[in-house]
N, C-alpha and C. Protein backbone atom coordinates (compact mmCIF):
# COMPACT_ATOMS: atom_id res chain seq x y z
N MET A 1 -125.97 -10.37 -50.67
CA MET A 1 -126.29 -11.63 -51.16
C MET A 1 -125.17 -12.74 -50.88
N LYS A 2 -125.64 -13.89 -50.57
CA LYS A 2 -124.58 -14.91 -50.16
C LYS A 2 -124.42 -15.71 -51.49
N ILE A 3 -123.07 -15.94 -51.78
CA ILE A 3 -122.83 -16.68 -52.91
C ILE A 3 -121.80 -17.90 -52.41
N PRO A 4 -122.19 -19.19 -52.63
CA PRO A 4 -121.18 -20.22 -52.20
C PRO A 4 -119.97 -20.20 -53.12
N LEU A 5 -118.93 -20.45 -52.15
CA LEU A 5 -117.39 -20.36 -52.80
C LEU A 5 -116.91 -21.87 -52.60
N ASP A 6 -116.90 -22.76 -53.55
CA ASP A 6 -116.52 -23.97 -53.40
C ASP A 6 -115.21 -24.41 -54.24
N HIS A 7 -114.81 -23.49 -54.94
CA HIS A 7 -113.46 -23.58 -55.70
C HIS A 7 -112.97 -22.15 -56.03
N ALA A 8 -111.70 -22.13 -56.36
CA ALA A 8 -110.94 -20.95 -56.69
C ALA A 8 -111.62 -20.09 -57.66
N ALA A 9 -112.18 -20.74 -58.75
CA ALA A 9 -112.88 -20.11 -59.91
C ALA A 9 -114.10 -19.33 -59.38
N ALA A 10 -114.74 -19.82 -58.43
CA ALA A 10 -115.94 -19.06 -57.99
C ALA A 10 -115.53 -17.79 -57.09
N ILE A 11 -114.23 -17.83 -56.61
CA ILE A 11 -113.80 -16.53 -56.06
C ILE A 11 -113.48 -15.53 -57.03
N GLY A 12 -112.68 -16.23 -58.12
CA GLY A 12 -112.33 -15.41 -59.33
C GLY A 12 -113.57 -14.62 -59.98
N ASN A 13 -114.68 -15.27 -59.91
CA ASN A 13 -115.86 -14.70 -60.69
C ASN A 13 -116.32 -13.64 -59.80
N VAL A 14 -116.28 -13.78 -58.54
CA VAL A 14 -116.78 -12.58 -57.54
C VAL A 14 -115.87 -11.38 -57.79
N VAL A 15 -114.59 -11.76 -57.81
CA VAL A 15 -113.71 -10.51 -57.97
C VAL A 15 -113.90 -9.97 -59.39
N ARG A 16 -114.00 -10.59 -60.37
CA ARG A 16 -114.16 -9.98 -61.71
C ARG A 16 -115.53 -9.27 -61.72
N ALA A 17 -116.51 -9.86 -61.27
CA ALA A 17 -117.80 -9.18 -61.23
C ALA A 17 -117.79 -7.97 -60.27
N SER A 18 -117.05 -7.88 -59.14
CA SER A 18 -117.02 -6.79 -58.27
C SER A 18 -116.34 -5.65 -58.96
N ARG A 19 -115.22 -5.89 -59.67
CA ARG A 19 -114.45 -5.02 -60.42
C ARG A 19 -115.44 -4.39 -61.50
N LYS A 20 -115.91 -5.26 -62.45
CA LYS A 20 -116.68 -4.89 -63.56
C LYS A 20 -117.87 -3.88 -63.12
N ALA A 21 -118.65 -4.32 -62.08
CA ALA A 21 -119.68 -3.79 -61.62
C ALA A 21 -119.34 -2.24 -61.17
N GLN A 22 -118.11 -2.10 -60.75
CA GLN A 22 -117.64 -0.71 -60.34
C GLN A 22 -116.99 -0.03 -61.43
N LYS A 23 -117.00 -0.64 -62.53
CA LYS A 23 -116.52 -0.11 -64.00
C LYS A 23 -115.09 0.17 -63.85
N ILE A 24 -114.24 -0.47 -63.23
CA ILE A 24 -112.91 -0.31 -63.09
C ILE A 24 -112.18 -1.28 -63.94
N ARG A 25 -111.09 -0.72 -64.70
CA ARG A 25 -110.30 -1.56 -65.65
C ARG A 25 -109.38 -2.24 -64.75
N GLN A 26 -108.99 -3.61 -65.23
CA GLN A 26 -108.27 -4.41 -64.39
C GLN A 26 -106.90 -3.74 -64.02
N ASP A 27 -106.38 -2.97 -64.95
CA ASP A 27 -104.99 -2.40 -64.59
C ASP A 27 -105.24 -1.29 -63.58
N ASP A 28 -106.32 -0.57 -63.65
CA ASP A 28 -106.65 0.45 -62.73
C ASP A 28 -106.74 -0.07 -61.25
N ALA A 29 -107.54 -1.20 -61.35
CA ALA A 29 -107.87 -1.85 -59.92
C ALA A 29 -106.65 -2.38 -59.35
N ALA A 30 -105.90 -3.07 -60.17
CA ALA A 30 -104.69 -3.63 -59.71
C ALA A 30 -103.77 -2.52 -59.04
N GLY A 31 -103.52 -1.40 -59.80
CA GLY A 31 -102.68 -0.24 -59.29
C GLY A 31 -103.19 0.33 -58.09
N SER A 32 -104.61 0.50 -57.85
CA SER A 32 -105.08 1.07 -56.75
C SER A 32 -105.04 0.29 -55.72
N ILE A 33 -105.10 -1.10 -55.79
CA ILE A 33 -104.99 -2.13 -54.61
C ILE A 33 -103.60 -2.45 -54.22
N GLY A 34 -102.73 -2.18 -55.31
CA GLY A 34 -101.32 -2.47 -54.84
C GLY A 34 -100.88 -3.85 -55.22
N VAL A 35 -101.40 -4.38 -56.15
CA VAL A 35 -100.91 -5.70 -56.75
C VAL A 35 -100.68 -5.53 -58.40
N SER A 36 -99.95 -6.48 -58.83
CA SER A 36 -99.76 -6.50 -60.34
C SER A 36 -101.01 -6.76 -61.04
N GLU A 37 -101.12 -6.34 -62.24
CA GLU A 37 -102.27 -6.69 -63.24
C GLU A 37 -102.26 -8.17 -63.37
N ASN A 38 -101.04 -8.80 -63.55
CA ASN A 38 -100.86 -10.17 -63.65
C ASN A 38 -101.44 -10.99 -62.58
N PHE A 39 -101.27 -10.41 -61.41
CA PHE A 39 -101.83 -11.11 -60.25
C PHE A 39 -103.18 -11.08 -60.03
N LEU A 40 -103.89 -9.97 -60.40
CA LEU A 40 -105.34 -9.75 -60.53
C LEU A 40 -105.97 -10.76 -61.55
N GLY A 41 -105.41 -10.81 -62.48
CA GLY A 41 -105.73 -11.65 -63.63
C GLY A 41 -105.78 -13.22 -63.13
N LYS A 42 -104.73 -13.57 -62.40
CA LYS A 42 -104.61 -14.89 -61.90
C LYS A 42 -105.87 -15.08 -61.00
N ILE A 43 -106.01 -14.14 -60.24
CA ILE A 43 -107.34 -14.34 -59.34
C ILE A 43 -108.67 -14.45 -60.07
N GLU A 44 -108.78 -13.53 -60.98
CA GLU A 44 -110.06 -13.51 -61.89
C GLU A 44 -110.12 -14.94 -62.52
N ARG A 45 -108.98 -15.54 -62.90
CA ARG A 45 -109.11 -16.74 -63.64
C ARG A 45 -109.30 -18.11 -62.70
N GLY A 46 -109.23 -17.77 -61.44
CA GLY A 46 -109.39 -18.89 -60.53
C GLY A 46 -108.19 -19.60 -60.34
N ASP A 47 -106.87 -19.05 -60.61
CA ASP A 47 -105.71 -19.75 -60.45
C ASP A 47 -105.59 -20.19 -58.82
N GLU A 48 -105.27 -21.37 -58.72
CA GLU A 48 -105.20 -21.98 -57.42
C GLU A 48 -103.99 -21.74 -56.70
N SER A 49 -102.93 -21.11 -57.16
CA SER A 49 -101.78 -20.79 -56.68
C SER A 49 -101.37 -19.37 -56.22
N VAL A 50 -102.57 -18.63 -55.89
CA VAL A 50 -102.24 -17.23 -55.46
C VAL A 50 -102.08 -17.22 -53.92
N GLN A 51 -101.39 -16.22 -53.56
CA GLN A 51 -101.08 -16.08 -52.23
C GLN A 51 -102.26 -15.55 -51.40
N TRP A 52 -102.58 -16.04 -50.18
CA TRP A 52 -103.59 -15.77 -49.45
C TRP A 52 -103.68 -14.25 -49.02
N GLY A 53 -102.58 -13.80 -48.51
CA GLY A 53 -102.53 -12.49 -48.22
C GLY A 53 -102.89 -11.40 -49.30
N LYS A 54 -102.34 -11.62 -50.40
CA LYS A 54 -102.71 -10.88 -51.61
C LYS A 54 -104.05 -10.89 -51.94
N LEU A 55 -104.62 -12.15 -52.03
CA LEU A 55 -106.06 -12.46 -52.27
C LEU A 55 -106.99 -11.58 -51.34
N PHE A 56 -106.80 -11.49 -50.15
CA PHE A 56 -107.51 -10.71 -49.16
C PHE A 56 -107.32 -9.32 -49.25
N GLN A 57 -106.04 -8.79 -49.81
CA GLN A 57 -105.83 -7.58 -50.04
C GLN A 57 -106.77 -7.06 -51.29
N VAL A 58 -106.96 -8.07 -52.46
CA VAL A 58 -107.55 -7.54 -53.69
C VAL A 58 -109.17 -7.61 -52.96
N LEU A 59 -109.62 -8.53 -52.25
CA LEU A 59 -110.99 -8.53 -51.84
C LEU A 59 -111.38 -7.48 -51.08
N GLU A 60 -110.46 -7.00 -50.23
CA GLU A 60 -110.62 -5.76 -49.38
C GLU A 60 -110.84 -4.37 -50.34
N GLY A 61 -109.74 -4.40 -51.20
CA GLY A 61 -109.69 -3.33 -52.10
C GLY A 61 -110.99 -3.18 -52.86
N LEU A 62 -111.66 -4.22 -53.30
CA LEU A 62 -112.83 -4.11 -53.99
C LEU A 62 -114.13 -4.22 -53.32
N GLY A 63 -113.98 -4.08 -51.92
CA GLY A 63 -115.11 -4.06 -50.91
C GLY A 63 -115.82 -5.36 -50.72
N VAL A 64 -115.04 -6.36 -51.11
CA VAL A 64 -115.79 -7.81 -50.97
C VAL A 64 -115.37 -8.27 -49.50
N ARG A 65 -116.50 -8.80 -48.84
CA ARG A 65 -116.03 -9.22 -47.49
C ARG A 65 -116.33 -10.81 -47.46
N ILE A 66 -115.60 -11.53 -46.98
CA ILE A 66 -115.68 -13.01 -46.97
C ILE A 66 -116.23 -13.44 -45.32
N VAL A 67 -117.29 -14.30 -45.40
CA VAL A 67 -117.88 -14.69 -44.10
C VAL A 67 -117.95 -16.20 -44.31
N VAL A 68 -117.36 -16.89 -43.35
CA VAL A 68 -117.47 -18.35 -43.41
C VAL A 68 -118.51 -18.87 -42.42
N ASP A 69 -119.36 -19.64 -42.94
CA ASP A 69 -120.54 -20.26 -42.30
C ASP A 69 -120.09 -21.64 -41.84
N VAL A 70 -119.80 -21.73 -40.40
CA VAL A 70 -119.37 -22.94 -39.94
C VAL A 70 -120.37 -23.56 -39.03
N PRO A 71 -120.33 -24.86 -38.80
CA PRO A 71 -121.36 -25.59 -37.80
C PRO A 71 -121.23 -24.71 -36.52
N ASP A 72 -122.21 -25.06 -35.67
CA ASP A 72 -122.23 -24.38 -34.32
C ASP A 72 -121.20 -24.79 -33.60
N ASN A 73 -120.88 -26.17 -33.53
CA ASN A 73 -119.89 -26.67 -32.55
C ASN A 73 -118.44 -26.11 -33.03
N VAL A 74 -118.22 -25.90 -34.19
CA VAL A 74 -116.95 -25.11 -34.69
C VAL A 74 -116.92 -23.78 -34.17
N ALA A 75 -117.95 -22.99 -34.19
CA ALA A 75 -118.15 -21.66 -33.83
C ALA A 75 -117.99 -21.54 -32.39
N ALA A 76 -118.53 -22.34 -31.58
CA ALA A 76 -118.16 -22.56 -30.07
C ALA A 76 -116.67 -22.70 -29.87
N TRP A 77 -116.22 -23.74 -30.45
CA TRP A 77 -114.77 -23.98 -30.15
C TRP A 77 -113.87 -22.82 -30.51
N LEU A 78 -114.05 -22.14 -31.64
CA LEU A 78 -113.29 -20.80 -32.03
C LEU A 78 -113.66 -19.75 -30.95
N ASN A 79 -114.74 -19.61 -30.48
CA ASN A 79 -115.15 -18.58 -29.56
C ASN A 79 -114.29 -18.88 -28.18
N GLU A 80 -114.35 -20.19 -27.71
CA GLU A 80 -113.46 -20.54 -26.54
C GLU A 80 -112.07 -20.19 -26.64
N ARG A 81 -111.48 -20.49 -27.70
CA ARG A 81 -110.13 -20.14 -28.03
C ARG A 81 -109.79 -18.55 -28.04
N ARG A 82 -110.78 -17.89 -28.57
CA ARG A 82 -110.71 -16.33 -28.61
C ARG A 82 -110.73 -15.91 -27.15
N ASP A 83 -111.73 -16.50 -26.34
CA ASP A 83 -111.92 -16.05 -25.13
C ASP A 83 -110.61 -16.42 -24.21
N ASP A 84 -110.09 -17.61 -24.44
CA ASP A 84 -108.87 -17.92 -23.62
C ASP A 84 -107.75 -16.86 -24.00
N ARG A 85 -107.51 -16.46 -25.19
CA ARG A 85 -106.49 -15.57 -25.61
C ARG A 85 -106.80 -14.26 -24.95
N GLY A 86 -108.02 -13.90 -24.66
CA GLY A 86 -108.33 -12.63 -23.99
C GLY A 86 -108.02 -12.57 -22.74
N ARG A 87 -107.76 -13.81 -22.08
CA ARG A 87 -107.52 -13.78 -20.68
C ARG A 87 -106.04 -13.95 -20.38
N SER A 88 -105.27 -13.99 -21.37
CA SER A 88 -103.73 -14.34 -21.05
C SER A 88 -103.10 -13.09 -20.74
């Protein structure tokens, strides 16, 4: 299912729903993912000052995958850069 993410609270709602759907308590989820319960709470509340690396660690730990839908010209530009790096 595609869910638009237009602000930090939207990501927080997805994280909270993912955790609750798996019937995992916040402290247990935090411990198994390797972040503090306080940090996981910040994500779930939509705090805009969370660290990107840890956010992706939490998403991965809960089985949430982020896909960015970009315009075709942006995708083409990114693919060109990826191809250029592969030739180096």
